[in-house]
Amino acid sequence: LRIVLDSVVAVSAFLTEGIAADMVSQCQESVYLYTTEE
């Protein structure tokens, strides 16, 4: 799958060891992640 995270989810992944952080970890294995400099 090809996905884009909004900055709120990225911030949440950084701050807490919850769903967003787990998702970022899983994404490395099973999805293509896209973002922008913005």
All heavy atoms as atom14 arrays in JSON, in Angstrom:
{
  "sequence": "LRIVLDSVVAVSAFLTEGIAADMVSQCQESVYLYTTEE",
  "atom14_mask": [
    [1, 1, 1, 1, 1, 1, 1, 1, 0, 0, 0, 0, 0, 0],
    [1, 1, 1, 1, 1, 1, 1, 1, 1, 1, 1, 0, 0, 0],
    [1, 1, 1, 1, 1, 1, 1, 1, 0, 0, 0, 0, 0, 0],
    [1, 1, 1, 1, 1, 1, 1, 0, 0, 0, 0, 0, 0, 0],
    [1, 1, 1, 1, 1, 1, 1, 1, 0, 0, 0, 0, 0, 0],
    [1, 1, 1, 1, 1, 1, 1, 1, 0, 0, 0, 0, 0, 0],
    [1, 1, 1, 1, 1, 1, 0, 0, 0, 0, 0, 0, 0, 0],
    [1, 1, 1, 1, 1, 1, 1, 0, 0, 0, 0, 0, 0, 0],
    [1, 1, 1, 1, 1, 1, 1, 0, 0, 0, 0, 0, 0, 0],
    [1, 1, 1, 1, 1, 0, 0, 0, 0, 0, 0, 0, 0, 0],
    [1, 1, 1, 1, 1, 1, 1, 0, 0, 0, 0, 0, 0, 0],
    [1, 1, 1, 1, 1, 1, 0, 0, 0, 0, 0, 0, 0, 0],
    [1, 1, 1, 1, 1, 0, 0, 0, 0, 0, 0, 0, 0, 0],
    [1, 1, 1, 1, 1, 1, 1, 1, 1, 1, 1, 0, 0, 0],
    [1, 1, 1, 1, 1, 1, 1, 1, 0, 0, 0, 0, 0, 0],
    [1, 1, 1, 1, 1, 1, 1, 0, 0, 0, 0, 0, 0, 0],
    [1, 1, 1, 1, 1, 1, 1, 1, 1, 0, 0, 0, 0, 0],
    [1, 1, 1, 1, 0, 0, 0, 0, 0, 0, 0, 0, 0, 0],
    [1, 1, 1, 1, 1, 1, 1, 1, 0, 0, 0, 0, 0, 0],
    [1, 1, 1, 1, 1, 0, 0, 0, 0, 0, 0, 0, 0, 0],
    [1, 1, 1, 1, 1, 0, 0, 0, 0, 0, 0, 0, 0, 0],
    [1, 1, 1, 1, 1, 1, 1, 1, 0, 0, 0, 0, 0, 0],
    [1, 1, 1, 1, 1, 1, 1, 1, 0, 0, 0, 0, 0, 0],
    [1, 1, 1, 1, 1, 1, 1, 0, 0, 0, 0, 0, 0, 0],
    [1, 1, 1, 1, 1, 1, 0, 0, 0, 0, 0, 0, 0, 0],
    [1, 1, 1, 1, 1, 1, 1, 1, 1, 0, 0, 0, 0, 0],
    [1, 1, 1, 1, 1, 1, 0, 0, 0, 0, 0, 0, 0, 0],
    [1, 1, 1, 1, 1, 1, 1, 1, 1, 0, 0, 0, 0, 0],
    [1, 1, 1, 1, 1, 1, 1, 1, 1, 0, 0, 0, 0, 0],
    [1, 1, 1, 1, 1, 1, 0, 0, 0, 0, 0, 0, 0, 0],
    [1, 1, 1, 1, 1, 1, 1, 0, 0, 0, 0, 0, 0, 0],
    [1, 1, 1, 1, 1, 1, 1, 1, 1, 1, 1, 1, 0, 0],
    [1, 1, 1, 1, 1, 1, 1, 1, 0, 0, 0, 0, 0, 0],
    [1, 1, 1, 1, 1, 1, 1, 1, 1, 1, 1, 1, 0, 0],
    [1, 1, 1, 1, 1, 1, 1, 0, 0, 0, 0, 0, 0, 0],
    [1, 1, 1, 1, 1, 1, 1, 0, 0, 0, 0, 0, 0, 0],
    [1, 1, 1, 1, 1, 1, 1, 1, 1, 0, 0, 0, 0, 0],
    [1, 1, 1, 1, 1, 1, 1, 1, 1, 0, 0, 0, 0, 0]
  ],
  "atom14_positions": [
    [[0.84, -1.19, 0.0], [0.0, 0.0, 0.0], [0.87, 1.24, 0.0], [1.98, 1.25, 0.54], [-0.91, 0.0, 1.23], [-1.93, -1.14, 1.3], [-2.67, -1.1, 2.63], [-2.9, -1.06, 0.14], [0.0, 0.0, 0.0], [0.0, 0.0, 0.0], [0.0, 0.0, 0.0], [0.0, 0.0, 0.0], [0.0, 0.0, 0.0], [0.0, 0.0, 0.0]],
    [[0.34, 2.3, -0.58], [1.02, 3.59, -0.64], [0.24, 4.54, 0.27], [-0.95, 4.71, 0.07], [1.03, 4.09, -2.08], [1.74, 3.13, -3.02], [1.4, 3.4, -4.48], [2.05, 4.58, -4.98], [3.16, 4.59, -5.7], [3.74, 3.45, -6.02], [3.68, 5.72, -6.12], [0.0, 0.0, 0.0], [0.0, 0.0, 0.0], [0.0, 0.0, 0.0]],
    [[0.96, 5.13, 1.25], [0.26, 5.97, 2.22], [0.97, 7.31, 2.44], [2.16, 7.45, 2.17], [0.07, 5.26, 3.58], [1.42, 5.09, 4.3], [-0.63, 3.92, 3.41], [1.27, 4.76, 5.77], [0.0, 0.0, 0.0], [0.0, 0.0, 0.0], [0.0, 0.0, 0.0], [0.0, 0.0, 0.0], [0.0, 0.0, 0.0], [0.0, 0.0, 0.0]],
    [[0.19, 8.26, 2.96], [0.69, 9.56, 3.38], [0.2, 9.77, 4.81], [-0.98, 9.56, 5.1], [0.16, 10.69, 2.46], [0.55, 12.06, 3.0], [0.66, 10.5, 1.03], [0.0, 0.0, 0.0], [0.0, 0.0, 0.0], [0.0, 0.0, 0.0], [0.0, 0.0, 0.0], [0.0, 0.0, 0.0], [0.0, 0.0, 0.0], [0.0, 0.0, 0.0]],
    [[1.11, 10.17, 5.69], [0.76, 10.52, 7.07], [0.62, 12.02, 7.17], [1.46, 12.75, 6.64], [1.84, 10.1, 8.05], [2.26, 8.64, 8.11], [3.36, 8.46, 9.15], [1.08, 7.76, 8.44], [0.0, 0.0, 0.0], [0.0, 0.0, 0.0], [0.0, 0.0, 0.0], [0.0, 0.0, 0.0], [0.0, 0.0, 0.0], [0.0, 0.0, 0.0]],
    [[-0.4, 12.49, 7.87], [-0.43, 13.92, 8.13], [0.52, 14.22, 9.29], [0.99, 13.32, 10.0], [-1.85, 14.45, 8.35], [-2.46, 14.13, 9.7], [-1.76, 13.62, 10.59], [-3.64, 14.43, 9.88], [0.0, 0.0, 0.0], [0.0, 0.0, 0.0], [0.0, 0.0, 0.0], [0.0, 0.0, 0.0], [0.0, 0.0, 0.0], [0.0, 0.0, 0.0]],
    [[0.84, 15.49, 9.48], [1.82, 15.87, 10.49], [1.32, 15.57, 11.9], [2.13, 15.28, 12.79], [2.21, 17.34, 10.36], [1.08, 18.17, 10.48], [0.0, 0.0, 0.0], [0.0, 0.0, 0.0], [0.0, 0.0, 0.0], [0.0, 0.0, 0.0], [0.0, 0.0, 0.0], [0.0, 0.0, 0.0], [0.0, 0.0, 0.0], [0.0, 0.0, 0.0]],
    [[0.03, 15.6, 12.13], [-0.52, 15.29, 13.47], [-0.2, 13.84, 13.84], [0.19, 13.55, 14.98], [-2.04, 15.55, 13.52], [-2.64, 15.11, 14.84], [-2.33, 17.02, 13.26], [0.0, 0.0, 0.0], [0.0, 0.0, 0.0], [0.0, 0.0, 0.0], [0.0, 0.0, 0.0], [0.0, 0.0, 0.0], [0.0, 0.0, 0.0], [0.0, 0.0, 0.0]],
    [[-0.33, 12.94, 12.9], [-0.01, 11.53, 13.15], [1.49, 11.36, 13.36], [1.92, 10.62, 14.25], [-0.53, 10.64, 12.0], [-0.06, 9.19, 12.17], [-2.05, 10.7, 11.94], [0.0, 0.0, 0.0], [0.0, 0.0, 0.0], [0.0, 0.0, 0.0], [0.0, 0.0, 0.0], [0.0, 0.0, 0.0], [0.0, 0.0, 0.0], [0.0, 0.0, 0.0]],
    [[2.29, 12.06, 12.58], [3.75, 11.98, 12.74], [4.16, 12.5, 14.13], [4.98, 11.88, 14.81], [4.45, 12.77, 11.64], [0.0, 0.0, 0.0], [0.0, 0.0, 0.0], [0.0, 0.0, 0.0], [0.0, 0.0, 0.0], [0.0, 0.0, 0.0], [0.0, 0.0, 0.0], [0.0, 0.0, 0.0], [0.0, 0.0, 0.0], [0.0, 0.0, 0.0]],
    [[3.57, 13.62, 14.55], [3.87, 14.17, 15.88], [3.47, 13.16, 16.95], [4.24, 12.89, 17.89], [3.16, 15.53, 16.09], [3.17, 15.94, 17.57], [3.8, 16.6, 15.23], [0.0, 0.0, 0.0], [0.0, 0.0, 0.0], [0.0, 0.0, 0.0], [0.0, 0.0, 0.0], [0.0, 0.0, 0.0], [0.0, 0.0, 0.0], [0.0, 0.0, 0.0]],
    [[2.31, 12.57, 16.82], [1.83, 11.59, 17.78], [2.76, 10.38, 17.84], [3.05, 9.84, 18.91], [0.41, 11.16, 17.42], [-0.07, 10.2, 18.31], [0.0, 0.0, 0.0], [0.0, 0.0, 0.0], [0.0, 0.0, 0.0], [0.0, 0.0, 0.0], [0.0, 0.0, 0.0], [0.0, 0.0, 0.0], [0.0, 0.0, 0.0], [0.0, 0.0, 0.0]],
    [[3.27, 9.95, 16.68], [4.2, 8.82, 16.64], [5.48, 9.13, 17.4], [6.06, 8.26, 18.04], [4.5, 8.45, 15.19], [0.0, 0.0, 0.0], [0.0, 0.0, 0.0], [0.0, 0.0, 0.0], [0.0, 0.0, 0.0], [0.0, 0.0, 0.0], [0.0, 0.0, 0.0], [0.0, 0.0, 0.0], [0.0, 0.0, 0.0], [0.0, 0.0, 0.0]],
    [[5.91, 10.37, 17.32], [7.12, 10.79, 18.05], [6.87, 10.84, 19.56], [7.71, 10.39, 20.34], [7.57, 12.16, 17.54], [8.73, 12.72, 18.31], [10.03, 12.33, 18.02], [8.53, 13.64, 19.33], [11.1, 12.84, 18.72], [9.6, 14.17, 20.05], [10.9, 13.76, 19.75], [0.0, 0.0, 0.0], [0.0, 0.0, 0.0], [0.0, 0.0, 0.0]],
    [[5.74, 11.39, 19.96], [5.5, 11.69, 21.36], [5.1, 10.5, 22.21], [5.4, 10.46, 23.41], [4.41, 12.77, 21.49], [4.77, 14.14, 20.95], [3.55, 15.06, 21.03], [5.96, 14.74, 21.69], [0.0, 0.0, 0.0], [0.0, 0.0, 0.0], [0.0, 0.0, 0.0], [0.0, 0.0, 0.0], [0.0, 0.0, 0.0], [0.0, 0.0, 0.0]],
    [[4.39, 9.55, 21.64], [3.83, 8.48, 22.46], [4.13, 7.11, 21.88], [4.37, 6.96, 20.69], [2.31, 8.63, 22.6], [1.7, 8.5, 21.3], [1.93, 9.96, 23.21], [0.0, 0.0, 0.0], [0.0, 0.0, 0.0], [0.0, 0.0, 0.0], [0.0, 0.0, 0.0], [0.0, 0.0, 0.0], [0.0, 0.0, 0.0], [0.0, 0.0, 0.0]],
    [[4.04, 6.14, 22.72], [4.26, 4.76, 22.3], [2.9, 4.09, 22.05], [2.66, 2.99, 22.52], [5.0, 3.99, 23.4], [6.31, 4.63, 23.78], [7.49, 3.75, 23.51], [7.29, 2.54, 23.3], [8.6, 4.27, 23.49], [0.0, 0.0, 0.0], [0.0, 0.0, 0.0], [0.0, 0.0, 0.0], [0.0, 0.0, 0.0], [0.0, 0.0, 0.0]],
    [[2.06, 4.76, 21.29], [0.72, 4.24, 21.06], [0.5, 3.79, 19.63], [1.41, 3.35, 18.93], [0.0, 0.0, 0.0], [0.0, 0.0, 0.0], [0.0, 0.0, 0.0], [0.0, 0.0, 0.0], [0.0, 0.0, 0.0], [0.0, 0.0, 0.0], [0.0, 0.0, 0.0], [0.0, 0.0, 0.0], [0.0, 0.0, 0.0], [0.0, 0.0, 0.0]],
    [[-0.74, 3.91, 19.21], [-1.17, 3.45, 17.89], [-0.34, 4.08, 16.77], [0.11, 3.4, 15.86], [-2.67, 3.77, 17.67], [-3.54, 2.94, 18.63], [-3.1, 3.54, 16.25], [-3.65, 1.48, 18.3], [0.0, 0.0, 0.0], [0.0, 0.0, 0.0], [0.0, 0.0, 0.0], [0.0, 0.0, 0.0], [0.0, 0.0, 0.0], [0.0, 0.0, 0.0]],
    [[-0.15, 5.39, 16.82], [0.58, 6.07, 15.73], [2.01, 5.56, 15.63], [2.53, 5.32, 14.53], [0.54, 7.58, 15.91], [0.0, 0.0, 0.0], [0.0, 0.0, 0.0], [0.0, 0.0, 0.0], [0.0, 0.0, 0.0], [0.0, 0.0, 0.0], [0.0, 0.0, 0.0], [0.0, 0.0, 0.0], [0.0, 0.0, 0.0], [0.0, 0.0, 0.0]],
    [[2.69, 5.41, 16.76], [4.06, 4.89, 16.75], [4.1, 3.46, 16.21], [4.97, 3.11, 15.42], [4.66, 4.97, 18.15], [0.0, 0.0, 0.0], [0.0, 0.0, 0.0], [0.0, 0.0, 0.0], [0.0, 0.0, 0.0], [0.0, 0.0, 0.0], [0.0, 0.0, 0.0], [0.0, 0.0, 0.0], [0.0, 0.0, 0.0], [0.0, 0.0, 0.0]],
    [[3.15, 2.63, 16.66], [3.07, 1.25, 16.16], [2.85, 1.24, 14.65], [3.44, 0.44, 13.93], [1.93, 0.49, 16.84], [2.2, 0.21, 18.31], [3.36, 0.35, 18.74], [1.23, -0.13, 19.01], [0.0, 0.0, 0.0], [0.0, 0.0, 0.0], [0.0, 0.0, 0.0], [0.0, 0.0, 0.0], [0.0, 0.0, 0.0], [0.0, 0.0, 0.0]],
    [[1.99, 2.14, 14.2], [1.7, 2.2, 12.78], [2.93, 2.58, 11.97], [3.21, 1.98, 10.94], [0.56, 3.19, 12.51], [0.04, 3.09, 11.1], [-1.01, 4.47, 10.73], [0.15, 5.8, 10.92], [0.0, 0.0, 0.0], [0.0, 0.0, 0.0], [0.0, 0.0, 0.0], [0.0, 0.0, 0.0], [0.0, 0.0, 0.0], [0.0, 0.0, 0.0]],
    [[3.7, 3.56, 12.44], [4.92, 3.95, 11.73], [5.88, 2.77, 11.67], [6.48, 2.51, 10.63], [5.56, 5.2, 12.38], [6.95, 5.46, 11.81], [4.67, 6.42, 12.14], [0.0, 0.0, 0.0], [0.0, 0.0, 0.0], [0.0, 0.0, 0.0], [0.0, 0.0, 0.0], [0.0, 0.0, 0.0], [0.0, 0.0, 0.0], [0.0, 0.0, 0.0]],
    [[6.0, 2.02, 12.75], [6.86, 0.83, 12.75], [6.38, -0.2, 11.74], [7.17, -0.74, 10.97], [6.9, 0.19, 14.13], [7.5, 1.07, 15.04], [0.0, 0.0, 0.0], [0.0, 0.0, 0.0], [0.0, 0.0, 0.0], [0.0, 0.0, 0.0], [0.0, 0.0, 0.0], [0.0, 0.0, 0.0], [0.0, 0.0, 0.0], [0.0, 0.0, 0.0]],
    [[5.09, -0.46, 11.73], [4.53, -1.43, 10.78], [4.68, -0.95, 9.35], [4.87, -1.74, 8.43], [3.06, -1.71, 11.09], [2.86, -2.57, 12.31], [1.41, -3.01, 12.44], [0.73, -3.25, 11.46], [0.96, -3.13, 13.68], [0.0, 0.0, 0.0], [0.0, 0.0, 0.0], [0.0, 0.0, 0.0], [0.0, 0.0, 0.0], [0.0, 0.0, 0.0]],
    [[4.59, 0.36, 9.16], [4.67, 0.91, 7.81], [6.0, 0.61, 7.15], [6.06, 0.39, 5.95], [4.46, 2.43, 7.84], [2.75, 2.9, 8.11], [0.0, 0.0, 0.0], [0.0, 0.0, 0.0], [0.0, 0.0, 0.0], [0.0, 0.0, 0.0], [0.0, 0.0, 0.0], [0.0, 0.0, 0.0], [0.0, 0.0, 0.0], [0.0, 0.0, 0.0]],
    [[7.04, 0.58, 7.93], [8.36, 0.31, 7.37], [8.41, -1.04, 6.69], [9.13, -1.24, 5.73], [9.42, 0.4, 8.46], [9.57, 1.8, 9.01], [10.57, 1.83, 10.13], [11.73, 1.5, 9.92], [10.13, 2.21, 11.32], [0.0, 0.0, 0.0], [0.0, 0.0, 0.0], [0.0, 0.0, 0.0], [0.0, 0.0, 0.0], [0.0, 0.0, 0.0]],
    [[7.62, -1.97, 7.2], [7.64, -3.33, 6.68], [6.65, -3.56, 5.55], [6.92, -4.34, 4.65], [7.31, -4.31, 7.81], [8.18, -4.19, 9.01], [7.57, -4.87, 10.23], [6.53, -5.54, 10.11], [8.15, -4.7, 11.32], [0.0, 0.0, 0.0], [0.0, 0.0, 0.0], [0.0, 0.0, 0.0], [0.0, 0.0, 0.0], [0.0, 0.0, 0.0]],
    [[5.52, -2.88, 5.59], [4.44, -3.33, 4.72], [3.81, -2.27, 3.82], [2.86, -2.58, 3.12], [3.34, -3.97, 5.58], [2.92, -3.07, 6.58], [0.0, 0.0, 0.0], [0.0, 0.0, 0.0], [0.0, 0.0, 0.0], [0.0, 0.0, 0.0], [0.0, 0.0, 0.0], [0.0, 0.0, 0.0], [0.0, 0.0, 0.0], [0.0, 0.0, 0.0]],
    [[4.32, -1.05, 3.85], [3.76, -0.02, 2.97], [4.87, 0.88, 2.44], [5.99, 0.9, 2.95], [2.72, 0.88, 3.69], [1.59, 0.08, 4.29], [3.37, 1.76, 4.73], [0.0, 0.0, 0.0], [0.0, 0.0, 0.0], [0.0, 0.0, 0.0], [0.0, 0.0, 0.0], [0.0, 0.0, 0.0], [0.0, 0.0, 0.0], [0.0, 0.0, 0.0]],
    [[4.54, 1.61, 1.4], [5.39, 2.68, 0.92], [4.86, 3.97, 1.52], [3.67, 4.27, 1.39], [5.35, 2.79, -0.6], [5.95, 1.6, -1.31], [5.15, 0.78, -2.1], [7.3, 1.31, -1.21], [5.69, -0.31, -2.77], [7.85, 0.21, -1.87], [7.04, -0.58, -2.64], [7.57, -1.66, -3.3], [0.0, 0.0, 0.0], [0.0, 0.0, 0.0]],
    [[5.72, 4.71, 2.17], [5.35, 5.95, 2.82], [5.81, 7.12, 1.97], [6.95, 7.15, 1.5], [5.99, 6.01, 4.21], [5.68, 7.19, 5.1], [4.18, 7.31, 5.36], [6.43, 7.04, 6.42], [0.0, 0.0, 0.0], [0.0, 0.0, 0.0], [0.0, 0.0, 0.0], [0.0, 0.0, 0.0], [0.0, 0.0, 0.0], [0.0, 0.0, 0.0]],
    [[4.92, 8.1, 1.78], [5.22, 9.3, 1.0], [4.99, 10.52, 1.88], [4.11, 10.54, 2.72], [4.32, 9.37, -0.23], [4.62, 8.27, -1.2], [4.04, 7.01, -1.06], [5.51, 8.47, -2.25], [4.35, 5.98, -1.92], [5.82, 7.44, -3.11], [5.24, 6.2, -2.95], [5.57, 5.17, -3.81], [0.0, 0.0, 0.0], [0.0, 0.0, 0.0]],
    [[5.8, 11.53, 1.65], [5.66, 12.78, 2.38], [6.16, 13.92, 1.51], [6.56, 13.71, 0.36], [6.42, 12.72, 3.73], [6.0, 13.82, 4.53], [7.92, 12.72, 3.55], [0.0, 0.0, 0.0], [0.0, 0.0, 0.0], [0.0, 0.0, 0.0], [0.0, 0.0, 0.0], [0.0, 0.0, 0.0], [0.0, 0.0, 0.0], [0.0, 0.0, 0.0]],
    [[6.11, 15.11, 2.07], [6.64, 16.3, 1.39], [7.54, 17.03, 2.38], [7.45, 16.81, 3.59], [5.53, 17.28, 0.96], [4.91, 17.8, 2.14], [4.49, 16.6, 0.07], [0.0, 0.0, 0.0], [0.0, 0.0, 0.0], [0.0, 0.0, 0.0], [0.0, 0.0, 0.0], [0.0, 0.0, 0.0], [0.0, 0.0, 0.0], [0.0, 0.0, 0.0]],
    [[8.36, 17.91, 1.88], [9.16, 18.75, 2.77], [8.25, 19.57, 3.68], [8.56, 19.77, 4.85], [10.09, 19.67, 1.98], [11.34, 18.98, 1.5], [12.19, 18.37, 2.6], [12.3, 18.96, 3.7], [12.75, 17.29, 2.37], [0.0, 0.0, 0.0], [0.0, 0.0, 0.0], [0.0, 0.0, 0.0], [0.0, 0.0, 0.0], [0.0, 0.0, 0.0]],
    [[7.12, 20.01, 3.16], [6.18, 20.8, 3.97], [5.62, 20.0, 5.14], [5.51, 20.53, 6.25], [5.04, 21.33, 3.09], [5.46, 22.35, 2.07], [5.91, 21.76, 0.73], [6.14, 20.53, 0.64], [6.07, 22.54, -0.22], [0.0, 0.0, 0.0], [0.0, 0.0, 0.0], [0.0, 0.0, 0.0], [0.0, 0.0, 0.0], [0.0, 0.0, 0.0]]
  ]
}
